[in-house]
Amino acid sequence: MQSITEKEKSLWDTVAMPQASDWQLLSDNPSVLIELNTVLINALHFAKSGTDVTFGEVAEQIFPALAVIDKKYPDSGVTDSEGYLTVARFFAINYSPAIYDFLRYYGAEP
């Protein structure tokens, strides 16, 4: 059995990537998935860079890039609520559970 600290470290040192079924895209184009996951992995590297990174800075690494992908592949569902959910789950699992709600509702109207 691991301690909480050991478990957190083991999660920090590994990465779980979303599959097409996680993204729930409306397109079967494999390029969309590759580009989306590239955005996530780059943002994760930024978040784990060792600097004092805020949740807002992490979000700014993700959501403008998703908007570009959404324009490149219109009607694929990149910026649908399922996309935001996938981003939030990815970072909650691979970075910090505390970021989940921030990313899940990033940019939502109050």
PDB file of N, CA and C in Angstrom:
ATOM      1  N   MET A   1       0.850  -1.174   0.000  1.00  0.00           N
ATOM      2  CA  MET A   1       0.000   0.000   0.000  1.00  0.00           C
ATOM      3  C   MET A   1       0.897   1.239   0.000  1.00  0.00           C
ATOM      4  N   GLN A   2       0.507   2.238  -0.795  1.00  0.00           N
ATOM      5  CA  GLN A   2       1.262   3.482  -0.885  1.00  0.00           C
ATOM      6  C   GLN A   2       0.656   4.546   0.031  1.00  0.00           C
ATOM      7  N   SER A   3       1.505   5.450   0.458  1.00  0.00           N
ATOM      8  CA  SER A   3       0.993   6.621   1.167  1.00  0.00           C
ATOM      9  C   SER A   3       0.388   7.573   0.136  1.00  0.00           C
ATOM     10  N   ILE A   4      -0.343   8.541   0.599  1.00  0.00           N
ATOM     11  CA  ILE A   4      -0.925   9.534  -0.305  1.00  0.00           C
ATOM     12  C   ILE A   4       0.179  10.259  -1.063  1.00  0.00           C
ATOM     13  N   THR A   5       1.226  10.620  -0.379  1.00  0.00           N
ATOM     14  CA  THR A   5       2.345  11.317  -1.011  1.00  0.00           C
ATOM     15  C   THR A   5       2.992  10.452  -2.090  1.00  0.00           C
ATOM     16  N   GLU A   6       3.183   9.184  -1.815  1.00  0.00           N
ATOM     17  CA  GLU A   6       3.761   8.273  -2.807  1.00  0.00           C
ATOM     18  C   GLU A   6       2.842   8.125  -4.022  1.00  0.00           C
ATOM     19  N   LYS A   7       1.546   8.021  -3.774  1.00  0.00           N
ATOM     20  CA  LYS A   7       0.587   7.889  -4.862  1.00  0.00           C
ATOM     21  C   LYS A   7       0.570   9.151  -5.722  1.00  0.00           C
ATOM     22  N   GLU A   8       0.575  10.304  -5.074  1.00  0.00           N
ATOM     23  CA  GLU A   8       0.621  11.557  -5.818  1.00  0.00           C
ATOM     24  C   GLU A   8       1.871  11.637  -6.689  1.00  0.00           C
ATOM     25  N   LYS A   9       2.990  11.223  -6.147  1.00  0.00           N
ATOM     26  CA  LYS A   9       4.242  11.241  -6.913  1.00  0.00           C
ATOM     27  C   LYS A   9       4.165  10.289  -8.096  1.00  0.00           C
ATOM     28  N   SER A  10       3.611   9.105  -7.899  1.00  0.00           N
ATOM     29  CA  SER A  10       3.522   8.148  -9.003  1.00  0.00           C
ATOM     30  C   SER A  10       2.592   8.676 -10.099  1.00  0.00           C
ATOM     31  N   LEU A  11       1.518   9.358  -9.714  1.00  0.00           N
ATOM     32  CA  LEU A  11       0.642   9.965 -10.708  1.00  0.00           C
ATOM     33  C   LEU A  11       1.342  11.119 -11.427  1.00  0.00           C
ATOM     34  N   TRP A  12       2.114  11.889 -10.701  1.00  0.00           N
ATOM     35  CA  TRP A  12       2.837  13.036 -11.264  1.00  0.00           C
ATOM     36  C   TRP A  12       3.843  12.571 -12.320  1.00  0.00           C
ATOM     37  N   ASP A  13       4.424  11.403 -12.094  1.00  0.00           N
ATOM     38  CA  ASP A  13       5.481  10.894 -12.974  1.00  0.00           C
ATOM     39  C   ASP A  13       4.955  10.113 -14.178  1.00  0.00           C
ATOM     40  N   THR A  14       3.644   9.966 -14.312  1.00  0.00           N
ATOM     41  CA  THR A  14       3.058   9.247 -15.440  1.00  0.00           C
ATOM     42  C   THR A  14       2.050  10.147 -16.141  1.00  0.00           C
ATOM     43  N   VAL A  15       1.640   9.748 -17.333  1.00  0.00           N
ATOM     44  CA  VAL A  15       0.650  10.518 -18.083  1.00  0.00           C
ATOM     45  C   VAL A  15      -0.373   9.561 -18.687  1.00  0.00           C
ATOM     46  N   ALA A  16      -1.633   9.882 -18.506  1.00  0.00           N
ATOM     47  CA  ALA A  16      -2.732   9.148 -19.138  1.00  0.00           C
ATOM     48  C   ALA A  16      -3.310  10.061 -20.217  1.00  0.00           C
ATOM     49  N   MET A  17      -3.320   9.590 -21.463  1.00  0.00           N
ATOM     50  CA  MET A  17      -3.793  10.397 -22.584  1.00  0.00           C
ATOM     51  C   MET A  17      -5.232  10.042 -22.962  1.00  0.00           C
ATOM     52  N   PRO A  18      -6.019  11.053 -23.324  1.00  0.00           N
ATOM     53  CA  PRO A  18      -7.388  10.789 -23.768  1.00  0.00           C
ATOM     54  C   PRO A  18      -7.409  10.097 -25.131  1.00  0.00           C
ATOM     55  N   GLN A  19      -8.342   9.207 -25.293  1.00  0.00           N
ATOM     56  CA  GLN A  19      -8.590   8.547 -26.567  1.00  0.00           C
ATOM     57  C   GLN A  19      -9.765   9.251 -27.256  1.00  0.00           C
ATOM     58  N   ALA A  20     -10.048   8.858 -28.474  1.00  0.00           N
ATOM     59  CA  ALA A  20     -11.149   9.483 -29.218  1.00  0.00           C
ATOM     60  C   ALA A  20     -12.468   9.367 -28.449  1.00  0.00           C
ATOM     61  N   SER A  21     -12.687   8.234 -27.797  1.00  0.00           N
ATOM     62  CA  SER A  21     -13.938   8.050 -27.045  1.00  0.00           C
ATOM     63  C   SER A  21     -14.023   9.002 -25.850  1.00  0.00           C
ATOM     64  N   ASP A  22     -12.885   9.395 -25.297  1.00  0.00           N
ATOM     65  CA  ASP A  22     -12.891  10.367 -24.196  1.00  0.00           C
ATOM     66  C   ASP A  22     -13.301  11.751 -24.696  1.00  0.00           C
ATOM     67  N   TRP A  23     -12.781  12.129 -25.852  1.00  0.00           N
ATOM     68  CA  TRP A  23     -13.088  13.436 -26.423  1.00  0.00           C
ATOM     69  C   TRP A  23     -14.516  13.511 -26.943  1.00  0.00           C
ATOM     70  N   GLN A  24     -15.090  12.386 -27.339  1.00  0.00           N
ATOM     71  CA  GLN A  24     -16.443  12.328 -27.904  1.00  0.00           C
ATOM     72  C   GLN A  24     -16.589  13.286 -29.094  1.00  0.00           C
ATOM     73  N   LEU A  25     -15.618  13.242 -29.992  1.00  0.00           N
ATOM     74  CA  LEU A  25     -15.618  14.118 -31.152  1.00  0.00           C
ATOM     75  C   LEU A  25     -16.710  13.728 -32.138  1.00  0.00           C
ATOM     76  N   LEU A  26     -17.095  14.689 -32.944  1.00  0.00           N
ATOM     77  CA  LEU A  26     -18.089  14.456 -33.979  1.00  0.00           C
ATOM     78  C   LEU A  26     -17.404  14.188 -35.316  1.00  0.00           C
ATOM     79  N   SER A  27     -16.112  13.908 -35.275  1.00  0.00           N
ATOM     80  CA  SER A  27     -15.315  13.656 -36.470  1.00  0.00           C
ATOM     81  C   SER A  27     -14.468  12.409 -36.240  1.00  0.00           C
ATOM     82  N   ASP A  28     -14.274  11.641 -37.283  1.00  0.00           N
ATOM     83  CA  ASP A  28     -13.400  10.466 -37.204  1.00  0.00           C
ATOM     84  C   ASP A  28     -11.992  10.775 -37.708  1.00  0.00           C
ATOM     85  N   ASN A  29     -11.716  12.013 -38.019  1.00  0.00           N
ATOM     86  CA  ASN A  29     -10.415  12.414 -38.538  1.00  0.00           C
ATOM     87  C   ASN A  29      -9.355  12.240 -37.446  1.00  0.00           C
ATOM     88  N   PRO A  30      -8.376  11.362 -37.635  1.00  0.00           N
ATOM     89  CA  PRO A  30      -7.362  11.131 -36.599  1.00  0.00           C
ATOM     90  C   PRO A  30      -6.481  12.349 -36.334  1.00  0.00           C
ATOM     91  N   SER A  31      -6.400  13.254 -37.281  1.00  0.00           N
ATOM     92  CA  SER A  31      -5.588  14.468 -37.089  1.00  0.00           C
ATOM     93  C   SER A  31      -6.120  15.327 -35.954  1.00  0.00           C
ATOM     94  N   VAL A  32      -7.431  15.346 -35.794  1.00  0.00           N
ATOM     95  CA  VAL A  32      -8.033  16.140 -34.722  1.00  0.00           C
ATOM     96  C   VAL A  32      -7.550  15.633 -33.368  1.00  0.00           C
ATOM     97  N   LEU A  33      -7.620  14.339 -33.159  1.00  0.00           N
ATOM     98  CA  LEU A  33      -7.185  13.740 -31.889  1.00  0.00           C
ATOM     99  C   LEU A  33      -5.711  14.012 -31.635  1.00  0.00           C
ATOM    100  N   ILE A  34      -4.898  13.861 -32.636  1.00  0.00           N
ATOM    101  CA  ILE A  34      -3.455  14.095 -32.490  1.00  0.00           C
ATOM    102  C   ILE A  34      -3.189  15.544 -32.097  1.00  0.00           C
ATOM    103  N   GLU A  35      -3.838  16.473 -32.770  1.00  0.00           N
ATOM    104  CA  GLU A  35      -3.630  17.890 -32.455  1.00  0.00           C
ATOM    105  C   GLU A  35      -4.138  18.235 -31.059  1.00  0.00           C
ATOM    106  N   LEU A  36      -5.294  17.711 -30.682  1.00  0.00           N
ATOM    107  CA  LEU A  36      -5.833  17.974 -29.344  1.00  0.00           C
ATOM    108  C   LEU A  36      -4.896  17.440 -28.265  1.00  0.00           C
ATOM    109  N   ASN A  37      -4.439  16.220 -28.423  1.00  0.00           N
ATOM    110  CA  ASN A  37      -3.567  15.629 -27.414  1.00  0.00           C
ATOM    111  C   ASN A  37      -2.203  16.307 -27.373  1.00  0.00           C
ATOM    112  N   THR A  38      -1.758  16.832 -28.497  1.00  0.00           N
ATOM    113  CA  THR A  38      -0.505  17.597 -28.512  1.00  0.00           C
ATOM    114  C   THR A  38      -0.654  18.860 -27.680  1.00  0.00           C
ATOM    115  N   VAL A  39      -1.792  19.527 -27.804  1.00  0.00           N
ATOM    116  CA  VAL A  39      -2.058  20.715 -26.986  1.00  0.00           C
ATOM    117  C   VAL A  39      -2.014  20.340 -25.502  1.00  0.00           C
ATOM    118  N   LEU A  40      -2.669  19.245 -25.147  1.00  0.00           N
ATOM    119  CA  LEU A  40      -2.704  18.838 -23.738  1.00  0.00           C
ATOM    120  C   LEU A  40      -1.315  18.510 -23.201  1.00  0.00           C
ATOM    121  N   ILE A  41      -0.542  17.758 -23.970  1.00  0.00           N
ATOM    122  CA  ILE A  41       0.778  17.351 -23.467  1.00  0.00           C
ATOM    123  C   ILE A  41       1.711  18.554 -23.357  1.00  0.00           C
ATOM    124  N   ASN A  42       1.621  19.488 -24.295  1.00  0.00           N
ATOM    125  CA  ASN A  42       2.437  20.706 -24.208  1.00  0.00           C
ATOM    126  C   ASN A  42       2.044  21.546 -23.000  1.00  0.00           C
ATOM    127  N   ALA A  43       0.755  21.668 -22.756  1.00  0.00           N
ATOM    128  CA  ALA A  43       0.286  22.419 -21.590  1.00  0.00           C
ATOM    129  C   ALA A  43       0.670  21.719 -20.289  1.00  0.00           C
ATOM    130  N   LEU A  44       0.648  20.395 -20.298  1.00  0.00           N
ATOM    131  CA  LEU A  44       1.057  19.651 -19.100  1.00  0.00           C
ATOM    132  C   LEU A  44       2.533  19.863 -18.812  1.00  0.00           C
ATOM    133  N   HIS A  45       3.361  19.843 -19.842  1.00  0.00           N
ATOM    134  CA  HIS A  45       4.795  20.122 -19.656  1.00  0.00           C
ATOM    135  C   HIS A  45       4.989  21.534 -19.095  1.00  0.00           C
ATOM    136  N   PHE A  46       4.225  22.481 -19.607  1.00  0.00           N
ATOM    137  CA  PHE A  46       4.277  23.850 -19.091  1.00  0.00           C
ATOM    138  C   PHE A  46       3.886  23.871 -17.617  1.00  0.00           C
ATOM    139  N   ALA A  47       2.787  23.207 -17.281  1.00  0.00           N
ATOM    140  CA  ALA A  47       2.289  23.206 -15.901  1.00  0.00           C
ATOM    141  C   ALA A  47       3.291  22.579 -14.942  1.00  0.00           C
ATOM    142  N   LYS A  48       3.969  21.543 -15.407  1.00  0.00           N
ATOM    143  CA  LYS A  48       4.930  20.828 -14.560  1.00  0.00           C
ATOM    144  C   LYS A  48       6.348  21.375 -14.687  1.00  0.00           C
ATOM    145  N   SER A  49       6.495  22.541 -15.272  1.00  0.00           N
ATOM    146  CA  SER A  49       7.819  23.092 -15.559  1.00  0.00           C
ATOM    147  C   SER A  49       8.632  23.456 -14.319  1.00  0.00           C
ATOM    148  N   GLY A  50       7.992  23.454 -13.175  1.00  0.00           N
ATOM    149  CA  GLY A  50       8.715  23.769 -11.948  1.00  0.00           C
ATOM    150  C   GLY A  50       8.585  25.218 -11.539  1.00  0.00           C
ATOM    151  N   THR A  51       8.080  26.059 -12.432  1.00  0.00           N
ATOM    152  CA  THR A  51       7.844  27.446 -12.072  1.00  0.00           C
ATOM    153  C   THR A  51       6.525  27.540 -11.323  1.00  0.00           C
ATOM    154  N   ASP A  52       6.258  28.690 -10.769  1.00  0.00           N
ATOM    155  CA  ASP A  52       5.020  28.886 -10.013  1.00  0.00           C
ATOM    156  C   ASP A  52       3.898  29.221 -10.990  1.00  0.00           C
ATOM    157  N   VAL A  53       3.292  28.192 -11.564  1.00  0.00           N
ATOM    158  CA  VAL A  53       2.282  28.327 -12.609  1.00  0.00           C
ATOM    159  C   VAL A  53       0.888  28.377 -11.980  1.00  0.00           C
ATOM    160  N   THR A  54       0.067  29.320 -12.461  1.00  0.00           N
ATOM    161  CA  THR A  54      -1.307  29.417 -11.977  1.00  0.00           C
ATOM    162  C   THR A  54      -2.238  28.601 -12.876  1.00  0.00           C
ATOM    163  N   PHE A  55      -3.422  28.299 -12.372  1.00  0.00           N
ATOM    164  CA  PHE A  55      -4.412  27.589 -13.173  1.00  0.00           C
ATOM    165  C   PHE A  55      -4.782  28.403 -14.417  1.00  0.00           C
ATOM    166  N   GLY A  56      -4.859  29.717 -14.265  1.00  0.00           N
ATOM    167  CA  GLY A  56      -5.178  30.580 -15.400  1.00  0.00           C
ATOM    168  C   GLY A  56      -4.118  30.506 -16.487  1.00  0.00           C
ATOM    169  N   GLU A  57      -2.860  30.429 -16.094  1.00  0.00           N
ATOM    170  CA  GLU A  57      -1.784  30.310 -17.077  1.00  0.00           C
ATOM    171  C   GLU A  57      -1.853  28.965 -17.808  1.00  0.00           C
ATOM    172  N   VAL A  58      -2.219  27.920 -17.089  1.00  0.00           N
ATOM    173  CA  VAL A  58      -2.395  26.609 -17.717  1.00  0.00           C
ATOM    174  C   VAL A  58      -3.536  26.693 -18.735  1.00  0.00           C
ATOM    175  N   ALA A  59      -4.646  27.297 -18.329  1.00  0.00           N
ATOM    176  CA  ALA A  59      -5.798  27.433 -19.220  1.00  0.00           C
ATOM    177  C   ALA A  59      -5.440  28.220 -20.476  1.00  0.00           C
ATOM    178  N   GLU A  60      -4.617  29.240 -20.331  1.00  0.00           N
ATOM    179  CA  GLU A  60      -4.218  30.041 -21.488  1.00  0.00           C
ATOM    180  C   GLU A  60      -3.317  29.266 -22.447  1.00  0.00           C
ATOM    181  N   GLN A  61      -2.723  28.194 -21.978  1.00  0.00           N
ATOM    182  CA  GLN A  61      -1.954  27.311 -22.851  1.00  0.00           C
ATOM    183  C   GLN A  61      -2.870  26.379 -23.645  1.00  0.00           C
ATOM    184  N   ILE A  62      -4.076  26.174 -23.142  1.00  0.00           N
ATOM    185  CA  ILE A  62      -4.986  25.173 -23.711  1.00  0.00           C
ATOM    186  C   ILE A  62      -6.059  25.779 -24.603  1.00  0.00           C
ATOM    187  N   PHE A  63      -6.881  26.649 -24.046  1.00  0.00           N
ATOM    188  CA  PHE A  63      -8.121  27.028 -24.709  1.00  0.00           C
ATOM    189  C   PHE A  63      -7.954  27.871 -25.972  1.00  0.00           C
ATOM    190  N   PRO A  64      -6.993  28.785 -26.064  1.00  0.00           N
ATOM    191  CA  PRO A  64      -6.788  29.437 -27.363  1.00  0.00           C
ATOM    192  C   PRO A  64      -6.369  28.437 -28.450  1.00  0.00           C
ATOM    193  N   ALA A  65      -5.559  27.454 -28.077  1.00  0.00           N
ATOM    194  CA  ALA A  65      -5.146  26.423 -29.041  1.00  0.00           C
ATOM    195  C   ALA A  65      -6.329  25.554 -29.459  1.00  0.00           C
ATOM    196  N   LEU A  66      -7.224  25.243 -28.517  1.00  0.00           N
ATOM    197  CA  LEU A  66      -8.423  24.476 -28.871  1.00  0.00           C
ATOM    198  C   LEU A  66      -9.318  25.270 -29.827  1.00  0.00           C
ATOM    199  N   ALA A  67      -9.389  26.580 -29.634  1.00  0.00           N
ATOM    200  CA  ALA A  67     -10.198  27.417 -30.521  1.00  0.00           C
ATOM    201  C   ALA A  67      -9.637  27.377 -31.948  1.00  0.00           C
ATOM    202  N   VAL A  68      -8.316  27.366 -32.076  1.00  0.00           N
ATOM    203  CA  VAL A  68      -7.685  27.267 -33.398  1.00  0.00           C
ATOM    204  C   VAL A  68      -8.028  25.933 -34.044  1.00  0.00           C
ATOM    205  N   ILE A  69      -7.941  24.858 -33.275  1.00  0.00           N
ATOM    206  CA  ILE A  69      -8.271  23.524 -33.799  1.00  0.00           C
ATOM    207  C   ILE A  69      -9.746  23.459 -34.177  1.00  0.00           C
ATOM    208  N   ASP A  70     -10.592  24.072 -33.366  1.00  0.00           N
ATOM    209  CA  ASP A  70     -12.029  24.088 -33.650  1.00  0.00           C
ATOM    210  C   ASP A  70     -12.311  24.789 -34.979  1.00  0.00           C
ATOM    211  N   LYS A  71     -11.603  25.870 -35.245  1.00  0.00           N
ATOM    212  CA  LYS A  71     -11.778  26.582 -36.521  1.00  0.00           C
ATOM    213  C   LYS A  71     -11.234  25.752 -37.688  1.00  0.00           C
ATOM    214  N   LYS A  72     -10.158  25.033 -37.439  1.00  0.00           N
ATOM    215  CA  LYS A  72      -9.546  24.204 -38.486  1.00  0.00           C
ATOM    216  C   LYS A  72     -10.433  23.020 -38.850  1.00  0.00           C
ATOM    217  N   TYR A  73     -11.115  22.475 -37.848  1.00  0.00           N
ATOM    218  CA  TYR A  73     -12.007  21.318 -38.040  1.00  0.00           C
ATOM    219  C   TYR A  73     -13.410  21.671 -37.542  1.00  0.00           C
ATOM    220  N   PRO A  74     -14.116  22.528 -38.300  1.00  0.00           N
ATOM    221  CA  PRO A  74     -15.451  22.946 -37.835  1.00  0.00           C
ATOM    222  C   PRO A  74     -16.405  21.758 -37.713  1.00  0.00           C
ATOM    223  N   ASP A  75     -17.303  21.869 -36.798  1.00  0.00           N
ATOM    224  CA  ASP A  75     -18.327  20.849 -36.550  1.00  0.00           C
ATOM    225  C   ASP A  75     -17.753  19.535 -36.025  1.00  0.00           C
ATOM    226  N   SER A  76     -16.529  19.559 -35.498  1.00  0.00           N
ATOM    227  CA  SER A  76     -15.961  18.331 -34.926  1.00  0.00           C
ATOM    228  C   SER A  76     -16.257  18.220 -33.435  1.00  0.00           C
ATOM    229  N   GLY A  77     -16.726  19.303 -32.826  1.00  0.00           N
ATOM    230  CA  GLY A  77     -17.094  19.264 -31.421  1.00  0.00           C
ATOM    231  C   GLY A  77     -15.957  19.533 -30.453  1.00  0.00           C
ATOM    232  N   VAL A  78     -14.876  20.109 -30.949  1.00  0.00           N
ATOM    233  CA  VAL A  78     -13.699  20.341 -30.107  1.00  0.00           C
ATOM    234  C   VAL A  78     -14.026  21.190 -28.888  1.00  0.00           C
ATOM    235  N   THR A  79     -14.806  22.242 -29.068  1.00  0.00           N
ATOM    236  CA  THR A  79     -15.093  23.138 -27.942  1.00  0.00           C
ATOM    237  C   THR A  79     -16.473  22.906 -27.331  1.00  0.00           C
ATOM    238  N   ASP A  80     -17.050  21.755 -27.597  1.00  0.00           N
ATOM    239  CA  ASP A  80     -18.288  21.377 -26.914  1.00  0.00           C
ATOM    240  C   ASP A  80     -17.989  21.082 -25.444  1.00  0.00           C
ATOM    241  N   SER A  81     -19.022  20.932 -24.650  1.00  0.00           N
ATOM    242  CA  SER A  81     -18.829  20.678 -23.218  1.00  0.00           C
ATOM    243  C   SER A  81     -18.027  19.400 -22.972  1.00  0.00           C
ATOM    244  N   GLU A  82     -18.153  18.411 -23.864  1.00  0.00           N
ATOM    245  CA  GLU A  82     -17.374  17.172 -23.705  1.00  0.00           C
ATOM    246  C   GLU A  82     -15.879  17.443 -23.840  1.00  0.00           C
ATOM    247  N   GLY A  83     -15.527  18.394 -24.692  1.00  0.00           N
ATOM    248  CA  GLY A  83     -14.118  18.773 -24.831  1.00  0.00           C
ATOM    249  C   GLY A  83     -13.578  19.395 -23.560  1.00  0.00           C
ATOM    250  N   TYR A  84     -14.360  20.271 -22.970  1.00  0.00           N
ATOM    251  CA  TYR A  84     -13.954  20.899 -21.711  1.00  0.00           C
ATOM    252  C   TYR A  84     -13.851  19.851 -20.598  1.00  0.00           C
ATOM    253  N   LEU A  85     -14.779  18.925 -20.603  1.00  0.00           N
ATOM    254  CA  LEU A  85     -14.743  17.839 -19.621  1.00  0.00           C
ATOM    255  C   LEU A  85     -13.465  17.008 -19.784  1.00  0.00           C
ATOM    256  N   THR A  86     -13.096  16.713 -21.013  1.00  0.00           N
ATOM    257  CA  THR A  86     -11.891  15.921 -21.258  1.00  0.00           C
ATOM    258  C   THR A  86     -10.644  16.667 -20.800  1.00  0.00           C
ATOM    259  N   VAL A  87     -10.575  17.955 -21.081  1.00  0.00           N
ATOM    260  CA  VAL A  87      -9.446  18.774 -20.623  1.00  0.00           C
ATOM    261  C   VAL A  87      -9.372  18.741 -19.093  1.00  0.00           C
ATOM    262  N   ALA A  88     -10.498  18.948 -18.441  1.00  0.00           N
ATOM    263  CA  ALA A  88     -10.531  18.959 -16.977  1.00  0.00           C
ATOM    264  C   ALA A  88     -10.114  17.611 -16.395  1.00  0.00           C
ATOM    265  N   ARG A  89     -10.632  16.532 -16.966  1.00  0.00           N
ATOM    266  CA  ARG A  89     -10.262  15.184 -16.483  1.00  0.00           C
ATOM    267  C   ARG A  89      -8.772  14.925 -16.681  1.00  0.00           C
ATOM    268  N   PHE A  90      -8.257  15.279 -17.854  1.00  0.00           N
ATOM    269  CA  PHE A  90      -6.840  15.068 -18.153  1.00  0.00           C
ATOM    270  C   PHE A  90      -5.960  15.743 -17.111  1.00  0.00           C
ATOM    271  N   PHE A  91      -6.244  17.002 -16.819  1.00  0.00           N
ATOM    272  CA  PHE A  91      -5.406  17.730 -15.868  1.00  0.00           C
ATOM    273  C   PHE A  91      -5.651  17.316 -14.422  1.00  0.00           C
ATOM    274  N   ALA A  92      -6.856  16.908 -14.094  1.00  0.00           N
ATOM    275  CA  ALA A  92      -7.118  16.413 -12.738  1.00  0.00           C
ATOM    276  C   ALA A  92      -6.348  15.127 -12.484  1.00  0.00           C
ATOM    277  N   ILE A  93      -6.240  14.288 -13.498  1.00  0.00           N
ATOM    278  CA  ILE A  93      -5.534  13.009 -13.358  1.00  0.00           C
ATOM    279  C   ILE A  93      -4.018  13.180 -13.443  1.00  0.00           C
ATOM    280  N   ASN A  94      -3.571  14.032 -14.346  1.00  0.00           N
ATOM    281  CA  ASN A  94      -2.140  14.135 -14.633  1.00  0.00           C
ATOM    282  C   ASN A  94      -1.419  15.283 -13.937  1.00  0.00           C
ATOM    283  N   TYR A  95      -2.181  16.214 -13.362  1.00  0.00           N
ATOM    284  CA  TYR A  95      -1.542  17.381 -12.755  1.00  0.00           C
ATOM    285  C   TYR A  95      -2.003  17.589 -11.313  1.00  0.00           C
ATOM    286  N   SER A  96      -3.260  17.950 -11.131  1.00  0.00           N
ATOM    287  CA  SER A  96      -3.782  18.193  -9.789  1.00  0.00           C
ATOM    288  C   SER A  96      -5.303  18.118  -9.811  1.00  0.00           C
ATOM    289  N   PRO A  97      -5.900  17.345  -8.907  1.00  0.00           N
ATOM    290  CA  PRO A  97      -7.369  17.297  -8.854  1.00  0.00           C
ATOM    291  C   PRO A  97      -7.993  18.673  -8.621  1.00  0.00           C
ATOM    292  N   ALA A  98      -7.255  19.575  -7.993  1.00  0.00           N
ATOM    293  CA  ALA A  98      -7.781  20.899  -7.671  1.00  0.00           C
ATOM    294  C   ALA A  98      -8.090  21.733  -8.917  1.00  0.00           C
ATOM    295  N   ILE A  99      -7.515  21.395 -10.056  1.00  0.00           N
ATOM    296  CA  ILE A  99      -7.712  22.177 -11.273  1.00  0.00           C
ATOM    297  C   ILE A  99      -8.997  21.796 -12.016  1.00  0.00           C
ATOM    298  N   TYR A 100      -9.614  20.693 -11.633  1.00  0.00           N
ATOM    299  CA  TYR A 100     -10.758  20.155 -12.373  1.00  0.00           C
ATOM    300  C   TYR A 100     -11.861  21.190 -12.606  1.00  0.00           C
ATOM    301  N   ASP A 101     -12.420  21.753 -11.554  1.00  0.00           N
ATOM    302  CA  ASP A 101     -13.545  22.678 -11.698  1.00  0.00           C
ATOM    303  C   ASP A 101     -13.148  23.935 -12.453  1.00  0.00           C
ATOM    304  N   PHE A 102     -11.913  24.399 -12.232  1.00  0.00           N
ATOM    305  CA  PHE A 102     -11.451  25.593 -12.943  1.00  0.00           C
ATOM    306  C   PHE A 102     -11.485  25.364 -14.449  1.00  0.00           C
ATOM    307  N   LEU A 103     -10.945  24.242 -14.898  1.00  0.00           N
ATOM    308  CA  LEU A 103     -10.904  23.963 -16.338  1.00  0.00           C
ATOM    309  C   LEU A 103     -12.257  23.516 -16.886  1.00  0.00           C
ATOM    310  N   ARG A 104     -13.024  22.832 -16.094  1.00  0.00           N
ATOM    311  CA  ARG A 104     -14.322  22.324 -16.546  1.00  0.00           C
ATOM    312  C   ARG A 104     -15.244  23.467 -16.945  1.00  0.00           C
ATOM    313  N   TYR A 105     -15.166  24.554 -16.206  1.00  0.00           N
ATOM    314  CA  TYR A 105     -16.071  25.674 -16.450  1.00  0.00           C
ATOM    315  C   TYR A 105     -15.338  26.933 -16.914  1.00  0.00           C
ATOM    316  N   TYR A 106     -14.127  26.767 -17.418  1.00  0.00           N
ATOM    317  CA  TYR A 106     -13.338  27.903 -17.883  1.00  0.00           C
ATOM    318  C   TYR A 106     -14.088  28.666 -18.971  1.00  0.00           C
ATOM    319  N   GLY A 107     -14.224  29.954 -18.763  1.00  0.00           N
ATOM    320  CA  GLY A 107     -14.898  30.794 -19.752  1.00  0.00           C
ATOM    321  C   GLY A 107     -16.407  30.731 -19.717  1.00  0.00           C
ATOM    322  N   ALA A 108     -16.982  29.964 -18.808  1.00  0.00           N
ATOM    323  CA  ALA A 108     -18.440  29.861 -18.725  1.00  0.00           C
ATOM    324  C   ALA A 108     -19.030  31.165 -18.202  1.00  0.00           C
ATOM    325  N   GLU A 109     -20.171  31.484 -18.709  1.00  0.00           N
ATOM    326  CA  GLU A 109     -20.865  32.686 -18.240  1.00  0.00           C
ATOM    327  C   GLU A 109     -21.427  32.425 -16.843  1.00  0.00           C
ATOM    328  N   PRO A 110     -21.291  33.409 -15.932  1.00  0.00           N
ATOM    329  CA  PRO A 110     -21.830  33.217 -14.572  1.00  0.00           C
ATOM    330  C   PRO A 110     -23.331  33.156 -14.539  1.00  0.00           C
TER     331      PRO A 110
END
